[in-house]
Protein backbone atom coordinates (compact mmCIF):
# COMPACT_ATOMS: atom_id res chain seq x y z
CA MET A 1 -0.19 50.05 -60.97
CA ARG A 2 2.38 49.17 -58.28
CA SER A 3 0.66 45.95 -57.34
CA LYS A 4 0.83 44.79 -61.09
CA LYS A 5 4.64 45.35 -60.86
CA ASN A 6 4.92 43.54 -57.78
CA ARG A 7 2.87 40.70 -59.07
CA LEU A 8 4.92 40.47 -62.26
CA SER A 9 8.34 40.58 -60.42
CA SER A 10 7.03 37.80 -57.95
CA LEU A 11 5.94 35.63 -60.91
CA GLN A 12 9.38 36.08 -62.36
CA ALA A 13 11.11 35.19 -59.23
CA ILE A 14 8.98 32.01 -58.78
CA SER A 15 9.57 30.94 -62.42
CA ASN A 16 13.40 31.48 -61.99
CA LEU A 17 13.48 29.51 -58.62
CA LEU A 18 11.51 26.57 -60.25
CA ASP A 19 13.72 26.57 -63.36
CA VAL A 20 16.96 27.00 -61.59
CA HIS A 21 16.64 24.88 -58.26
CA CYS A 22 13.53 22.76 -58.46
CA ALA A 23 13.90 21.41 -61.94
CA VAL A 24 17.31 19.89 -60.90
CA CYS A 25 16.35 19.01 -57.36
CA THR A 26 17.85 15.62 -56.27
CA VAL A 27 15.34 15.32 -53.30
CA ARG A 28 12.63 15.52 -55.82
CA ASP A 29 14.16 12.71 -57.77
CA ASP A 30 14.66 10.60 -54.64
CA PHE A 31 11.01 11.09 -53.42
CA ASN A 32 9.79 9.99 -56.88
CA ARG A 33 11.87 6.96 -56.94
CA LYS A 34 10.86 6.11 -53.35
CA TYR A 35 7.10 6.99 -53.42
CA GLY A 36 6.19 7.14 -57.17
CA SER A 37 3.93 9.93 -58.18
CA VAL A 38 2.63 10.77 -54.52
CA THR A 39 3.32 14.46 -54.36
CA SER A 40 1.93 14.98 -50.87
CA LYS A 41 5.25 13.84 -49.34
CA LEU A 42 7.37 16.00 -51.53
CA ASP A 43 5.08 18.85 -50.97
CA LYS A 44 5.38 18.65 -47.36
CA HIS A 45 9.07 18.53 -47.47
CA CYS A 46 9.22 21.53 -49.72
CA LYS A 47 6.98 23.56 -47.55
CA GLU A 48 8.64 22.72 -44.29
CA GLN A 49 12.29 21.78 -44.92
CA CYS A 50 13.35 23.25 -48.19
CA PRO A 51 14.70 26.86 -48.22
CA ILE A 52 13.73 27.30 -51.86
CA GLY A 53 10.18 26.03 -51.01
CA LYS A 54 9.85 28.50 -48.18
CA LYS A 55 10.90 31.19 -50.66
CA LEU A 56 8.25 30.11 -53.15
CA GLN A 57 5.54 30.37 -50.41
CA GLU A 58 6.55 34.03 -49.60
CA TYR A 59 6.35 34.96 -53.28
CA GLY A 60 2.96 33.27 -53.46
CA LYS A 61 1.73 35.35 -50.41
CA HIS A 62 2.55 38.44 -52.41
CA LEU A 63 0.64 37.06 -55.38
CA GLY A 64 -2.29 36.79 -53.12
CA LYS A 65 -2.16 40.22 -51.71
CA ALA A 66 -1.68 41.76 -55.27
CA MET A 67 -4.82 39.94 -56.45
CA THR A 68 -6.98 41.32 -53.65
CA THR A 69 -5.90 44.86 -54.21
CA VAL A 70 -6.45 44.87 -57.90
């Protein structure tokens, strides 16, 4: 049961980060203007340089662990 709670809290944290930070990200807007709908450049930026993107990756790791223990 504990892994389901961790999974739920991770999903809520991810949703909150996406809604609060990523939805209003100016870097995202700049990348879209400069490169169009090419998401690989933005994805690389988020994974390597953005602190919010790094937090999202950590929460994602928790989801993967929860899936394997259920």
